[in-house]
């Protein structure tokens, strides 16, 4: 886990988990978790990056579709 904070810019928190590690818990409902975070903090930008093998998914709460 890394935390990078810059005054006037914001804070970036990065956490990386190995899915094969025995202490890694099931992810649960990521959609519900992110939806709750955004609804409770609409002024905060949330970026969710999910990578597994060759697949990559990125969600940015400030990006318009």
Protein backbone atom coordinates (compact mmCIF):
# COMPACT_ATOMS: atom_id res chain seq x y z
CA UNK A 1 0.00 0.00 0.00
CA UNK A 2 1.25 3.47 -0.87
CA UNK A 3 -0.05 6.92 0.01
CA UNK A 4 1.04 9.93 -2.05
CA UNK A 5 -0.23 13.30 -0.84
CA UNK A 6 0.51 16.71 -2.32
CA UNK A 7 -0.80 19.97 -0.91
CA UNK A 8 -3.32 21.58 -3.22
CA UNK A 9 -3.49 18.47 -5.41
CA UNK A 10 -4.96 15.70 -3.28
CA UNK A 11 -4.09 12.26 -2.00
CA UNK A 12 -3.62 9.07 -3.98
CA UNK A 13 -3.95 5.76 -2.13
CA UNK A 14 -2.84 2.62 -3.96
CA UNK A 15 -3.41 -0.88 -2.65
CA UNK A 16 -2.35 -4.04 -4.49
CA UNK A 17 -3.51 -7.51 -3.48
CA UNK A 18 -2.43 -10.90 -4.76
CA UNK A 19 -5.57 -12.91 -5.33
CA UNK A 20 -3.64 -16.14 -4.76
CA UNK A 21 -2.56 -15.14 -1.23
CA UNK A 22 -4.43 -17.17 1.44
CA UNK A 23 -5.16 -14.03 3.52
CA UNK A 24 -6.90 -12.23 0.63
CA UNK A 25 -10.60 -11.97 1.37
CA UNK A 26 -13.25 -12.22 -1.37
CA UNK A 27 -13.82 -8.81 -2.99
CA UNK A 28 -17.55 -8.70 -2.28
CA UNK A 29 -19.73 -6.31 -4.24
CA UNK A 30 -17.34 -3.73 -5.68
CA UNK A 31 -20.25 -2.01 -7.49
CA UNK A 32 -22.11 -1.43 -4.21
CA UNK A 33 -18.95 -0.26 -2.45
CA UNK A 34 -17.98 2.26 -5.16
CA UNK A 35 -21.59 3.47 -5.52
CA UNK A 36 -21.78 4.13 -1.76
CA UNK A 37 -18.42 5.95 -1.73
CA UNK A 38 -19.43 8.21 -4.64
CA UNK A 39 -22.92 8.93 -3.25
CA UNK A 40 -21.47 9.90 0.13
CA UNK A 41 -18.57 11.92 -1.34
CA UNK A 42 -19.60 13.43 -4.71
CA UNK A 43 -16.75 15.99 -4.67
CA UNK A 44 -14.10 13.28 -4.33
CA UNK A 45 -12.66 11.66 -7.45
CA UNK A 46 -12.58 7.87 -7.16
CA UNK A 47 -10.55 5.80 -9.62
CA UNK A 48 -10.85 2.02 -9.55
CA UNK A 49 -8.32 0.00 -11.57
CA UNK A 50 -8.77 -3.75 -11.78
CA UNK A 51 -6.14 -5.84 -13.53
CA UNK A 52 -6.01 -9.59 -13.89
CA UNK A 53 -3.89 -11.36 -16.47
CA UNK A 54 -4.36 -9.51 -19.77
CA UNK A 55 -7.66 -7.91 -18.69
CA UNK A 56 -7.84 -4.35 -17.38
CA UNK A 57 -10.88 -2.35 -16.23
CA UNK A 58 -10.75 1.30 -15.12
CA UNK A 59 -13.53 3.40 -13.61
CA UNK A 60 -13.14 7.14 -12.92
CA UNK A 61 -16.00 8.84 -11.07
CA UNK A 62 -15.21 12.19 -12.76
CA UNK A 63 -15.07 10.80 -16.32
CA UNK A 64 -18.19 11.32 -18.41
CA UNK A 65 -19.27 8.52 -20.75
